[in-house]
Amino acid sequence: MTSAVVKSVPVESAAEAEIGSLLEQQTPKPIRIHDDAERSRSLIARITSNSIDELQGLVSDLTSGVQKLEEFLKSEGERVQREVVNYAQLNQTALAAIKEIIDTAFQLPQVETSRDDI
């Protein structure tokens, strides 16, 4: 019996050693996990940085476009106001001219009445 116990001890030790070896191979090493995490953080930082830069560029372009549109609309509003004022002045001038023409063309000649006509 003693010899059986002695023979089984080395078999168990070899099995434990192999199990330990397999566990070491399958267990992720903390350094590798840390390196992977750092690479992932770096990649995410670059991606978000590029995205943020692109968004800031778009916001800048939109702001510039809105300012140009505001300036255009303001100048067009002022131009339309000037046109309306000019049209009103032209209209009043035309009406005054028409009135003058009517007064001149259709003015009743003043008939001089003489005593003989009465």
N, C-alpha and C. Protein backbone atom coordinates (compact mmCIF):
# COMPACT_ATOMS: atom_id res chain seq x y z
N MET A 1 0.80 -1.18 0.00
CA MET A 1 0.00 0.00 0.00
C MET A 1 0.84 1.24 0.00
N THR A 2 1.92 1.15 0.66
CA THR A 2 2.80 2.30 0.72
C THR A 2 3.33 2.65 -0.65
N SER A 3 3.64 1.68 -1.41
CA SER A 3 4.16 1.96 -2.73
C SER A 3 3.09 2.56 -3.65
N ALA A 4 1.84 2.23 -3.46
CA ALA A 4 0.76 2.79 -4.26
C ALA A 4 0.57 4.26 -3.94
N VAL A 5 0.73 4.59 -2.67
CA VAL A 5 0.57 5.98 -2.27
C VAL A 5 1.71 6.80 -2.84
N VAL A 6 2.88 6.26 -2.83
CA VAL A 6 4.04 6.96 -3.34
C VAL A 6 3.90 7.17 -4.83
N LYS A 7 3.38 6.20 -5.56
CA LYS A 7 3.22 6.33 -6.99
C LYS A 7 2.13 7.33 -7.35
N SER A 8 1.09 7.44 -6.56
CA SER A 8 0.01 8.36 -6.87
C SER A 8 0.39 9.80 -6.59
N VAL A 9 1.29 10.04 -5.68
CA VAL A 9 1.70 11.41 -5.36
C VAL A 9 2.35 12.07 -6.57
N PRO A 10 3.30 11.46 -7.26
CA PRO A 10 3.87 12.11 -8.41
C PRO A 10 2.86 12.34 -9.52
N VAL A 11 1.90 11.47 -9.71
CA VAL A 11 0.88 11.65 -10.75
C VAL A 11 0.04 12.87 -10.41
N GLU A 12 -0.37 13.04 -9.14
CA GLU A 12 -1.14 14.20 -8.74
C GLU A 12 -0.32 15.47 -8.90
N SER A 13 0.92 15.44 -8.59
CA SER A 13 1.77 16.62 -8.72
C SER A 13 1.93 17.00 -10.18
N ALA A 14 2.07 16.04 -11.03
CA ALA A 14 2.20 16.32 -12.46
C ALA A 14 0.90 16.90 -12.99
N ALA A 15 -0.23 16.35 -12.56
CA ALA A 15 -1.54 16.85 -12.99
C ALA A 15 -1.74 18.28 -12.49
N GLU A 16 -1.38 18.52 -11.24
CA GLU A 16 -1.50 19.88 -10.68
C GLU A 16 -0.61 20.85 -11.43
N ALA A 17 0.58 20.39 -11.76
CA ALA A 17 1.51 21.25 -12.50
C ALA A 17 0.95 21.58 -13.87
N GLU A 18 0.35 20.58 -14.54
CA GLU A 18 -0.22 20.83 -15.86
C GLU A 18 -1.44 21.74 -15.77
N ILE A 19 -2.26 21.52 -14.77
CA ILE A 19 -3.43 22.40 -14.58
C ILE A 19 -2.96 23.83 -14.31
N GLY A 20 -1.96 23.98 -13.48
CA GLY A 20 -1.40 25.31 -13.19
C GLY A 20 -0.86 25.96 -14.45
N SER A 21 -0.18 25.15 -15.29
CA SER A 21 0.36 25.66 -16.54
C SER A 21 -0.76 26.11 -17.47
N LEU A 22 -1.83 25.33 -17.58
CA LEU A 22 -2.97 25.71 -18.42
C LEU A 22 -3.66 26.97 -17.90
N LEU A 23 -3.79 27.08 -16.61
CA LEU A 23 -4.41 28.26 -16.03
C LEU A 23 -3.59 29.52 -16.31
N GLU A 24 -2.29 29.39 -16.25
CA GLU A 24 -1.43 30.54 -16.54
C GLU A 24 -1.57 30.98 -18.00
N GLN A 25 -1.70 30.02 -18.89
CA GLN A 25 -1.85 30.34 -20.31
C GLN A 25 -3.20 30.99 -20.59
N GLN A 26 -4.24 30.54 -19.90
CA GLN A 26 -5.58 31.04 -20.16
C GLN A 26 -5.90 32.30 -19.37
N THR A 27 -5.24 32.53 -18.30
CA THR A 27 -5.51 33.70 -17.48
C THR A 27 -4.88 34.92 -18.14
N PRO A 28 -5.68 35.97 -18.45
CA PRO A 28 -5.10 37.17 -19.06
C PRO A 28 -4.15 37.85 -18.08
N LYS A 29 -3.10 38.31 -18.64
CA LYS A 29 -2.11 38.97 -17.80
C LYS A 29 -2.54 40.41 -17.57
N PRO A 30 -2.39 40.94 -16.37
CA PRO A 30 -2.82 42.31 -16.07
C PRO A 30 -2.13 43.35 -16.95
N ILE A 31 -0.91 43.12 -17.33
CA ILE A 31 -0.19 44.08 -18.16
C ILE A 31 -0.82 44.15 -19.54
N ARG A 32 -1.18 42.99 -20.08
CA ARG A 32 -1.79 42.96 -21.41
C ARG A 32 -3.14 43.67 -21.38
N ILE A 33 -3.93 43.43 -20.37
CA ILE A 33 -5.23 44.09 -20.23
C ILE A 33 -5.03 45.59 -20.13
N HIS A 34 -4.06 46.00 -19.36
CA HIS A 34 -3.78 47.43 -19.21
C HIS A 34 -3.36 48.05 -20.54
N ASP A 35 -2.51 47.33 -21.29
CA ASP A 35 -2.08 47.83 -22.60
C ASP A 35 -3.26 47.92 -23.57
N ASP A 36 -4.11 46.90 -23.57
CA ASP A 36 -5.29 46.93 -24.44
C ASP A 36 -6.21 48.08 -24.07
N ALA A 37 -6.41 48.27 -22.80
CA ALA A 37 -7.28 49.36 -22.34
C ALA A 37 -6.69 50.71 -22.74
N GLU A 38 -5.39 50.83 -22.62
CA GLU A 38 -4.73 52.10 -22.97
C GLU A 38 -4.84 52.35 -24.48
N ARG A 39 -4.66 51.31 -25.27
CA ARG A 39 -4.82 51.45 -26.72
C ARG A 39 -6.26 51.83 -27.08
N SER A 40 -7.21 51.20 -26.40
CA SER A 40 -8.62 51.52 -26.64
C SER A 40 -8.92 52.97 -26.27
N ARG A 41 -8.43 53.42 -25.12
CA ARG A 41 -8.62 54.82 -24.70
C ARG A 41 -8.01 55.77 -25.71
N SER A 42 -6.82 55.45 -26.17
CA SER A 42 -6.14 56.29 -27.15
C SER A 42 -6.92 56.37 -28.45
N LEU A 43 -7.42 55.24 -28.92
CA LEU A 43 -8.21 55.20 -30.15
C LEU A 43 -9.50 56.02 -29.99
N ILE A 44 -10.18 55.83 -28.89
CA ILE A 44 -11.43 56.58 -28.64
C ILE A 44 -11.13 58.07 -28.55
N ALA A 45 -10.04 58.44 -27.92
CA ALA A 45 -9.68 59.86 -27.80
C ALA A 45 -9.42 60.45 -29.19
N ARG A 46 -8.73 59.72 -30.05
CA ARG A 46 -8.47 60.23 -31.41
C ARG A 46 -9.75 60.35 -32.21
N ILE A 47 -10.60 59.34 -32.11
CA ILE A 47 -11.87 59.37 -32.86
C ILE A 47 -12.73 60.53 -32.38
N THR A 48 -12.89 60.66 -31.09
CA THR A 48 -13.75 61.75 -30.57
C THR A 48 -13.13 63.10 -30.83
N SER A 49 -11.81 63.18 -30.78
CA SER A 49 -11.15 64.45 -31.06
C SER A 49 -11.42 64.88 -32.49
N ASN A 50 -11.29 63.96 -33.43
CA ASN A 50 -11.57 64.27 -34.83
C ASN A 50 -13.03 64.65 -35.01
N SER A 51 -13.92 63.92 -34.37
CA SER A 51 -15.35 64.22 -34.48
C SER A 51 -15.67 65.59 -33.91
N ILE A 52 -15.09 65.90 -32.77
CA ILE A 52 -15.33 67.20 -32.13
C ILE A 52 -14.78 68.32 -33.00
N ASP A 53 -13.60 68.11 -33.57
CA ASP A 53 -13.03 69.12 -34.47
C ASP A 53 -13.91 69.33 -35.69
N GLU A 54 -14.41 68.24 -36.25
CA GLU A 54 -15.29 68.36 -37.41
C GLU A 54 -16.59 69.08 -37.05
N LEU A 55 -17.15 68.75 -35.89
CA LEU A 55 -18.37 69.42 -35.45
C LEU A 55 -18.13 70.90 -35.21
N GLN A 56 -17.01 71.24 -34.62
CA GLN A 56 -16.69 72.65 -34.39
C GLN A 56 -16.54 73.38 -35.72
N GLY A 57 -15.94 72.72 -36.70
CA GLY A 57 -15.81 73.32 -38.03
C GLY A 57 -17.17 73.54 -38.66
N LEU A 58 -18.07 72.57 -38.52
CA LEU A 58 -19.42 72.71 -39.07
C LEU A 58 -20.18 73.84 -38.38
N VAL A 59 -20.05 73.92 -37.07
CA VAL A 59 -20.71 74.99 -36.32
C VAL A 59 -20.18 76.35 -36.77
N SER A 60 -18.88 76.43 -36.96
CA SER A 60 -18.28 77.68 -37.43
C SER A 60 -18.80 78.05 -38.81
N ASP A 61 -18.87 77.06 -39.71
CA ASP A 61 -19.39 77.32 -41.06
C ASP A 61 -20.85 77.76 -41.01
N LEU A 62 -21.64 77.09 -40.18
CA LEU A 62 -23.06 77.46 -40.06
C LEU A 62 -23.23 78.86 -39.48
N THR A 63 -22.43 79.19 -38.48
CA THR A 63 -22.50 80.52 -37.88
C THR A 63 -22.16 81.58 -38.91
N SER A 64 -21.11 81.34 -39.67
CA SER A 64 -20.71 82.27 -40.72
C SER A 64 -21.82 82.41 -41.77
N GLY A 65 -22.41 81.28 -42.15
CA GLY A 65 -23.49 81.30 -43.14
C GLY A 65 -24.70 82.07 -42.63
N VAL A 66 -25.04 81.89 -41.37
CA VAL A 66 -26.19 82.59 -40.78
C VAL A 66 -25.91 84.09 -40.74
N GLN A 67 -24.70 84.48 -40.38
CA GLN A 67 -24.35 85.90 -40.35
C GLN A 67 -24.46 86.52 -41.75
N LYS A 68 -23.96 85.80 -42.75
CA LYS A 68 -24.05 86.31 -44.12
C LYS A 68 -25.50 86.42 -44.56
N LEU A 69 -26.31 85.44 -44.18
CA LEU A 69 -27.73 85.47 -44.52
C LEU A 69 -28.43 86.64 -43.83
N GLU A 70 -28.11 86.89 -42.57
CA GLU A 70 -28.68 88.03 -41.85
C GLU A 70 -28.32 89.34 -42.53
N GLU A 71 -27.05 89.48 -42.91
CA GLU A 71 -26.61 90.70 -43.59
C GLU A 71 -27.34 90.87 -44.92
N PHE A 72 -27.47 89.79 -45.67
CA PHE A 72 -28.17 89.84 -46.95
C PHE A 72 -29.63 90.25 -46.77
N LEU A 73 -30.30 89.60 -45.81
CA LEU A 73 -31.71 89.91 -45.58
C LEU A 73 -31.90 91.34 -45.10
N LYS A 74 -30.99 91.82 -44.28
CA LYS A 74 -31.07 93.20 -43.80
C LYS A 74 -30.91 94.17 -44.98
N SER A 75 -29.91 93.94 -45.82
CA SER A 75 -29.69 94.83 -46.96
C SER A 75 -30.85 94.75 -47.95
N GLU A 76 -31.42 93.57 -48.15
CA GLU A 76 -32.57 93.43 -49.04
C GLU A 76 -33.79 94.14 -48.46
N GLY A 77 -33.98 94.05 -47.16
CA GLY A 77 -35.08 94.76 -46.51
C GLY A 77 -34.96 96.26 -46.69
N GLU A 78 -33.73 96.76 -46.52
CA GLU A 78 -33.50 98.19 -46.70
C GLU A 78 -33.73 98.59 -48.17
N ARG A 79 -33.29 97.75 -49.09
CA ARG A 79 -33.49 98.04 -50.52
C ARG A 79 -34.98 98.09 -50.86
N VAL A 80 -35.74 97.12 -50.35
CA VAL A 80 -37.17 97.09 -50.62
C VAL A 80 -37.85 98.33 -50.03
N GLN A 81 -37.43 98.74 -48.84
CA GLN A 81 -37.99 99.96 -48.25
C GLN A 81 -37.72 101.16 -49.14
N ARG A 82 -36.49 101.28 -49.64
CA ARG A 82 -36.16 102.40 -50.53
C ARG A 82 -37.02 102.35 -51.80
N GLU A 83 -37.20 101.16 -52.34
CA GLU A 83 -38.02 101.00 -53.55
C GLU A 83 -39.47 101.43 -53.28
N VAL A 84 -40.01 101.06 -52.13
CA VAL A 84 -41.39 101.43 -51.79
C VAL A 84 -41.51 102.94 -51.64
N VAL A 85 -40.53 103.56 -50.98
CA VAL A 85 -40.55 105.02 -50.82
C VAL A 85 -40.46 105.69 -52.19
N ASN A 86 -39.55 105.21 -53.04
CA ASN A 86 -39.42 105.77 -54.39
C ASN A 86 -40.71 105.59 -55.19
N TYR A 87 -41.33 104.43 -55.06
CA TYR A 87 -42.59 104.18 -55.77
C TYR A 87 -43.68 105.13 -55.27
N ALA A 88 -43.75 105.33 -53.97
CA ALA A 88 -44.76 106.23 -53.40
C ALA A 88 -44.54 107.66 -53.91
N GLN A 89 -43.28 108.08 -53.94
CA GLN A 89 -42.98 109.43 -54.44
C GLN A 89 -43.33 109.55 -55.93
N LEU A 90 -42.98 108.53 -56.69
CA LEU A 90 -43.30 108.53 -58.12
C LEU A 90 -44.81 108.54 -58.33
N ASN A 91 -45.52 107.78 -57.53
CA ASN A 91 -46.97 107.72 -57.62
C ASN A 91 -47.59 109.09 -57.31
N GLN A 92 -47.10 109.75 -56.28
CA GLN A 92 -47.62 111.07 -55.94
C GLN A 92 -47.30 112.08 -57.03
N THR A 93 -46.11 111.99 -57.59
CA THR A 93 -45.74 112.90 -58.67
C THR A 93 -46.63 112.66 -59.89
N ALA A 94 -46.88 111.40 -60.21
CA ALA A 94 -47.73 111.06 -61.35
C ALA A 94 -49.16 111.55 -61.12
N LEU A 95 -49.68 111.36 -59.91
CA LEU A 95 -51.03 111.83 -59.60
C LEU A 95 -51.12 113.35 -59.70
N ALA A 96 -50.10 114.05 -59.23
CA ALA A 96 -50.10 115.52 -59.33
C ALA A 96 -50.06 115.96 -60.78
N ALA A 97 -49.27 115.25 -61.59
CA ALA A 97 -49.19 115.58 -63.01
C ALA A 97 -50.53 115.33 -63.70
N ILE A 98 -51.16 114.20 -63.38
CA ILE A 98 -52.46 113.89 -63.98
C ILE A 98 -53.50 114.93 -63.58
N LYS A 99 -53.48 115.35 -62.33
CA LYS A 99 -54.42 116.36 -61.86
C LYS A 99 -54.20 117.68 -62.61
N GLU A 100 -52.95 118.03 -62.78
CA GLU A 100 -52.63 119.26 -63.51
C GLU A 100 -53.10 119.19 -64.95
N ILE A 101 -52.88 118.01 -65.57
CA ILE A 101 -53.33 117.84 -66.95
C ILE A 101 -54.85 117.95 -67.03
N ILE A 102 -55.53 117.31 -66.12
CA ILE A 102 -57.00 117.37 -66.13
C ILE A 102 -57.47 118.80 -65.90
N ASP A 103 -56.88 119.47 -64.95
CA ASP A 103 -57.29 120.85 -64.67
C ASP A 103 -57.04 121.75 -65.88
N THR A 104 -55.94 121.53 -66.55
CA THR A 104 -55.60 122.37 -67.69
C THR A 104 -56.45 122.02 -68.91
N ALA A 105 -56.62 120.75 -69.18
CA ALA A 105 -57.32 120.33 -70.38
C ALA A 105 -58.83 120.55 -70.29
N PHE A 106 -59.38 120.36 -69.15
CA PHE A 106 -60.82 120.43 -69.03
C PHE A 106 -61.29 121.69 -68.28
N GLN A 107 -60.44 122.63 -68.24
CA GLN A 107 -60.83 123.85 -67.55
C GLN A 107 -61.90 124.55 -68.39
N LEU A 108 -62.98 124.88 -67.73
CA LEU A 108 -64.06 125.55 -68.45
C LEU A 108 -63.64 126.97 -68.77
N PRO A 109 -63.79 127.30 -70.00
CA PRO A 109 -63.45 128.68 -70.35
C PRO A 109 -64.45 129.63 -69.67
N GLN A 110 -63.88 130.61 -69.15
CA GLN A 110 -64.75 131.57 -68.47
C GLN A 110 -65.43 132.42 -69.53
N VAL A 111 -66.71 132.34 -69.47
CA VAL A 111 -67.50 133.08 -70.46
C VAL A 111 -67.73 134.48 -69.90
N GLU A 112 -67.41 135.38 -70.74
CA GLU A 112 -67.65 136.75 -70.31
C GLU A 112 -69.10 137.07 -70.63
N THR A 113 -69.74 137.45 -69.69
CA THR A 113 -71.15 137.78 -69.90
C THR A 113 -71.25 139.27 -70.19
N SER A 114 -71.95 139.53 -71.18
CA SER A 114 -72.17 140.94 -71.50
C SER A 114 -73.61 141.27 -71.22
N ARG A 115 -73.90 142.50 -71.16
CA ARG A 115 -75.24 142.94 -70.86
C ARG A 115 -76.21 142.58 -71.97
N ASP A 116 -75.66 142.37 -73.09
CA ASP A 116 -76.56 142.07 -74.20
C ASP A 116 -77.10 140.64 -74.05
N ASP A 117 -76.31 139.80 -73.47
CA ASP A 117 -76.75 138.39 -73.33
C ASP A 117 -77.80 138.24 -72.24
N ILE A 118 -77.89 139.14 -71.37
CA ILE A 118 -78.83 139.03 -70.29
C ILE A 118 -80.14 139.53 -70.70
